[in-house]
C-alpha atoms as a PDB file:
ATOM      1  CA  MET A   1     151.575  92.414  97.526  1.00  0.00           C
ATOM      2  CA  MET A   2     149.450  94.043 100.198  1.00  0.00           C
ATOM      3  CA  LEU A   3     148.226  96.709  97.769  1.00  0.00           C
ATOM      4  CA  ARG A   4     147.248  94.008  95.275  1.00  0.00           C
ATOM      5  CA  THR A   5     145.315  92.174  97.978  1.00  0.00           C
ATOM      6  CA  LEU A   6     143.644  95.404  99.088  1.00  0.00           C
ATOM      7  CA  ALA A   7     142.703  96.217  95.482  1.00  0.00           C
ATOM      8  CA  ALA A   8     141.232  92.740  95.042  1.00  0.00           C
ATOM      9  CA  LEU A   9     139.174  93.169  98.215  1.00  0.00           C
ATOM     10  CA  VAL A  10     137.892  96.553  97.063  1.00  0.00           C
ATOM     11  CA  ILE A  11     136.923  95.154  93.658  1.00  0.00           C
ATOM     12  CA  SER A  12     135.301  92.119  95.308  1.00  0.00           C
ATOM     13  CA  GLY A  13     133.393  94.416  97.654  1.00  0.00           C
ATOM     14  CA  GLN A  14     132.161  96.508  94.739  1.00  0.00           C
ATOM     15  CA  CYS A  15     131.050  93.384  92.866  1.00  0.00           C
ATOM     16  CA  LEU A  16     129.334  92.038  95.990  1.00  0.00           C
ATOM     17  CA  THR A  17     127.585  95.381  96.548  1.00  0.00           C
ATOM     18  CA  ALA A  18     126.421  95.435  92.918  1.00  0.00           C
ATOM     19  CA  ALA A  19     125.185  91.841  93.179  1.00  0.00           C
ATOM     20  CA  LEU A  20     123.266  92.602  96.373  1.00  0.00           C
ATOM     21  CA  ALA A  21     121.686  95.671  94.793  1.00  0.00           C
ATOM     22  CA  GLU A  22     120.429  93.532  91.906  1.00  0.00           C
ATOM     23  CA  THR A  23     119.036  90.814  94.182  1.00  0.00           C
ATOM     24  CA  PRO A  24     115.284  91.313  94.679  1.00  0.00           C
ATOM     25  CA  PHE A  25     114.275  92.057  98.255  1.00  0.00           C
ATOM     26  CA  ASP A  26     112.152  89.321  99.810  1.00  0.00           C
ATOM     27  CA  CYS A  27     109.259  91.084 101.479  1.00  0.00           C
ATOM     28  CA  SER A  28     107.374  87.920 102.448  1.00  0.00           C
ATOM     29  CA  GLY A  29     108.344  88.199 106.134  1.00  0.00           C
ATOM     30  CA  LEU A  30     106.974  91.716 106.473  1.00  0.00           C
ATOM     31  CA  ASN A  31     103.224  91.817 107.014  1.00  0.00           C
ATOM     32  CA  ASP A  32     102.846  95.441 108.036  1.00  0.00           C
ATOM     33  CA  ILE A  33     103.375  98.423 105.749  1.00  0.00           C
ATOM     34  CA  ASN A  34     104.635 100.443 108.731  1.00  0.00           C
ATOM     35  CA  ALA A  35     107.408  97.890 109.261  1.00  0.00           C
ATOM     36  CA  VAL A  36     108.390  98.173 105.598  1.00  0.00           C
ATOM     37  CA  THR A  37     108.371 101.970 105.767  1.00  0.00           C
ATOM     38  CA  ALA A  38     110.530 101.885 108.911  1.00  0.00           C
ATOM     39  CA  LEU A  39     112.948  99.457 107.243  1.00  0.00           C
ATOM     40  CA  ILE A  40     113.249 101.742 104.212  1.00  0.00           C
ATOM     41  CA  ALA A  41     113.932 104.741 106.458  1.00  0.00           C
ATOM     42  CA  LYS A  42     116.808 102.860 108.166  1.00  0.00           C
ATOM     43  CA  GLN A  43     118.722 102.296 104.939  1.00  0.00           C
ATOM     44  CA  THR A  44     121.950 104.148 104.241  1.00  0.00           C
ATOM     45  CA  SER A  45     121.676 104.327 100.459  1.00  0.00           C
ATOM     46  CA  CYS A  46     119.038 105.224  97.948  1.00  0.00           C
ATOM     47  CA  GLN A  47     119.698 102.002  96.039  1.00  0.00           C
ATOM     48  CA  ASP A  48     119.010  99.860  99.124  1.00  0.00           C
ATOM     49  CA  ALA A  49     115.837 101.792  99.935  1.00  0.00           C
ATOM     50  CA  ALA A  50     114.636 101.506  96.321  1.00  0.00           C
ATOM     51  CA  ARG A  51     115.391  97.771  96.317  1.00  0.00           C
ATOM     52  CA  ILE A  52     113.179  97.283  99.381  1.00  0.00           C
ATOM     53  CA  TYR A  53     110.484  99.494  97.876  1.00  0.00           C
ATOM     54  CA  ARG A  54     110.452  97.480  94.640  1.00  0.00           C
ATOM     55  CA  GLY A  55     110.435  94.175  96.525  1.00  0.00           C
ATOM     56  CA  CYS A  56     107.465  95.190  98.671  1.00  0.00           C
ATOM     57  CA  ALA A  57     105.475  97.364  96.242  1.00  0.00           C
ATOM     58  CA  ARG A  58     103.677  94.301  94.853  1.00  0.00           C
ATOM     59  CA  ASN A  59     102.278  93.559  98.311  1.00  0.00           C
ATOM     60  CA  TRP A  60     100.991  97.107  98.796  1.00  0.00           C
ATOM     61  CA  THR A  61     100.111  98.720  95.480  1.00  0.00           C
ATOM     62  CA  ASN A  62      98.715 101.792  97.192  1.00  0.00           C
ATOM     63  CA  SER A  63     101.872 102.628  99.123  1.00  0.00           C
ATOM     64  CA  PRO A  64     102.420 106.394  99.327  1.00  0.00           C
ATOM     65  CA  ASP A  65     104.129 105.999 102.723  1.00  0.00           C
ATOM     66  CA  MET A  66     106.700 103.605 101.254  1.00  0.00           C
ATOM     67  CA  GLU A  67     107.234 105.983  98.340  1.00  0.00           C
ATOM     68  CA  ASP A  68     107.605 108.974 100.656  1.00  0.00           C
ATOM     69  CA  ALA A  69     110.154 107.171 102.850  1.00  0.00           C
ATOM     70  CA  THR A  70     112.165 106.065  99.822  1.00  0.00           C
ATOM     71  CA  LEU A  71     112.081 109.457  98.119  1.00  0.00           C
ATOM     72  CA  GLN A  72     113.000 111.256 101.337  1.00  0.00           C
ATOM     73  CA  LEU A  73     115.986 108.994 101.961  1.00  0.00           C
ATOM     74  CA  CYS A  74     117.115 109.311  98.348  1.00  0.00           C
ATOM     75  CA  ALA A  75     116.717 113.091  98.284  1.00  0.00           C
ATOM     76  CA  GLU A  76     118.827 113.381 101.437  1.00  0.00           C
ATOM     77  CA  THR A  77     121.731 111.830  99.536  1.00  0.00           C
ATOM     78  CA  PHE A  78     121.751 114.239  96.598  1.00  0.00           C
ATOM     79  CA  TYR A  79     119.188 117.069  96.544  1.00  0.00           C
ATOM     80  CA  GLN A  80     121.256 119.663  98.420  1.00  0.00           C
ATOM     81  CA  ARG A  81     124.223 118.958  96.139  1.00  0.00           C
ATOM     82  CA  LEU A  82     122.216 119.980  93.061  1.00  0.00           C
ATOM     83  CA  THR A  83     122.352 123.427  91.536  1.00  0.00           C
ATOM     84  CA  PRO A  84     119.025 125.283  91.425  1.00  0.00           C
ATOM     85  CA  ARG A  85     118.754 124.370  87.750  1.00  0.00           C
ATOM     86  CA  GLN A  86     119.367 120.677  88.490  1.00  0.00           C
ATOM     87  CA  GLN A  87     116.824 120.797  91.332  1.00  0.00           C
ATOM     88  CA  ALA A  88     114.251 122.248  88.934  1.00  0.00           C
ATOM     89  CA  ALA A  89     115.054 119.520  86.391  1.00  0.00           C
ATOM     90  CA  TYR A  90     114.616 116.808  89.029  1.00  0.00           C
ATOM     91  CA  ASP A  91     111.311 118.332  90.172  1.00  0.00           C
ATOM     92  CA  ASP A  92     110.159 118.480  86.537  1.00  0.00           C
ATOM     93  CA  ILE A  93     110.963 114.789  86.074  1.00  0.00           C
ATOM     94  CA  ALA A  94     108.946 113.906  89.179  1.00  0.00           C
ATOM     95  CA  GLU A  95     106.007 115.934  87.859  1.00  0.00           C
ATOM     96  CA  ALA A  96     106.367 114.370  84.401  1.00  0.00           C
ATOM     97  CA  CYS A  97     105.901 110.971  86.058  1.00  0.00           C
ATOM     98  CA  VAL A  98     102.360 112.057  86.935  1.00  0.00           C
ATOM     99  CA  VAL A  99     101.576 113.538  83.537  1.00  0.00           C
ATOM    100  CA  LYS A 100     102.793 110.572  81.505  1.00  0.00           C
ATOM    101  CA  ASN A 101     100.878 108.123  83.715  1.00  0.00           C
ATOM    102  CA  GLN A 102      97.545 109.897  83.474  1.00  0.00           C
ATOM    103  CA  ASP A 103      94.791 108.714  81.197  1.00  0.00           C
ATOM    104  CA  PRO A 104      93.869 111.736  79.039  1.00  0.00           C
ATOM    105  CA  GLN A 105      90.297 110.539  78.618  1.00  0.00           C
ATOM    106  CA  SER A 106      89.328 109.936  82.242  1.00  0.00           C
ATOM    107  CA  MET A 107      92.154 111.948  83.864  1.00  0.00           C
ATOM    108  CA  ARG A 108      92.747 108.891  86.079  1.00  0.00           C
ATOM    109  CA  VAL A 109      96.300 108.710  87.429  1.00  0.00           C
ATOM    110  CA  PHE A 110      97.982 105.296  87.647  1.00  0.00           C
ATOM    111  CA  TRP A 111      99.658 105.925  91.003  1.00  0.00           C
ATOM    112  CA  PRO A 112     101.685 102.693  91.305  1.00  0.00           C
ATOM    113  CA  THR A 113     103.332 103.492  87.974  1.00  0.00           C
ATOM    114  CA  VAL A 114     103.891 107.110  89.033  1.00  0.00           C
ATOM    115  CA  ARG A 115     105.568 105.908  92.222  1.00  0.00           C
ATOM    116  CA  ASP A 116     107.841 103.536  90.303  1.00  0.00           C
ATOM    117  CA  CYS A 117     108.770 106.347  87.913  1.00  0.00           C
ATOM    118  CA  ARG A 118     109.625 108.735  90.764  1.00  0.00           C
ATOM    119  CA  ILE A 119     111.690 106.108  92.582  1.00  0.00           C
ATOM    120  CA  LYS A 120     113.663 105.358  89.394  1.00  0.00           C
ATOM    121  CA  ALA A 121     114.322 109.081  88.888  1.00  0.00           C
ATOM    122  CA  ALA A 122     115.491 109.494  92.493  1.00  0.00           C
ATOM    123  CA  GLU A 123     117.704 106.430  92.207  1.00  0.00           C
ATOM    124  CA  ASP A 124     119.225 107.793  89.006  1.00  0.00           C
ATOM    125  CA  TYR A 125     119.919 111.195  90.566  1.00  0.00           C
ATOM    126  CA  ALA A 126     121.370 109.573  93.691  1.00  0.00           C
ATOM    127  CA  ARG A 127     123.710 107.499  91.530  1.00  0.00           C
ATOM    128  CA  ARG A 128     124.834 110.601  89.651  1.00  0.00           C
ATOM    129  CA  PHE A 129     124.928 113.272  92.359  1.00  0.00           C
ATOM    130  CA  ALA A 130     125.196 111.680  95.814  1.00  0.00           C
ATOM    131  CA  ALA A 131     128.257 112.470  97.865  1.00  0.00           C
ATOM    132  CA  PRO A 132     130.914 109.803  97.526  1.00  0.00           C
ATOM    133  CA  VAL A 133     131.245 107.498 100.495  1.00  0.00           C
ATOM    134  CA  ALA A 134     134.430 108.215 102.429  1.00  0.00           C
ATOM    135  CA  VAL A 135     136.832 105.287 102.619  1.00  0.00           C
ATOM    136  CA  ALA A 136     139.522 105.166 105.287  1.00  0.00           C
ATOM    137  CA  PRO A 137     142.973 105.378 103.681  1.00  0.00           C
ATOM    138  CA  ALA A 138     145.005 102.182 103.830  1.00  0.00           C
ATOM    139  CA  SER A 139     148.395 102.244 105.451  1.00  0.00           C
ATOM    140  CA  ALA A 140     151.150 101.858 102.844  1.00  0.00           C
ATOM    141  CA  SER A 141     153.404  99.918 105.204  1.00  0.00           C
ATOM    142  CA  GLY A 142     150.650  97.725 106.607  1.00  0.00           C
ATOM    143  CA  LYS A 143     151.477  98.971 110.154  1.00  0.00           C
ATOM    144  CA  HIS A 144     149.205 101.136 112.291  1.00  0.00           C
END
């Protein structure tokens, strides 16, 4: 019975976490880009940082500091776990974000779109390669 209850709580927690990750971040209370950048840097997951970035990017379309904070936090969760070949592939994707968002006629780069592309790539790599979060083992007898 206790294991069933524990399993239900774990599944509920996973569903709640997924629902929170899909909920847009309300950036209306943050009026300073430095406060947003600091909030991003305090996050414990790439997905949470990216959610804040996406929620606030509309307010500050020229936001390299927000992008840097998000990418740094995301990279900390996975980059060292990548093989050199995977690191090169990730770096190539980040560079491709610039190339595909550059107007070939004027050579103008659409930086907000580049930033979104890089954040999505980092979020994808974090989902695939980040270290699993350690969960404390549950006692089988229910006693401590």
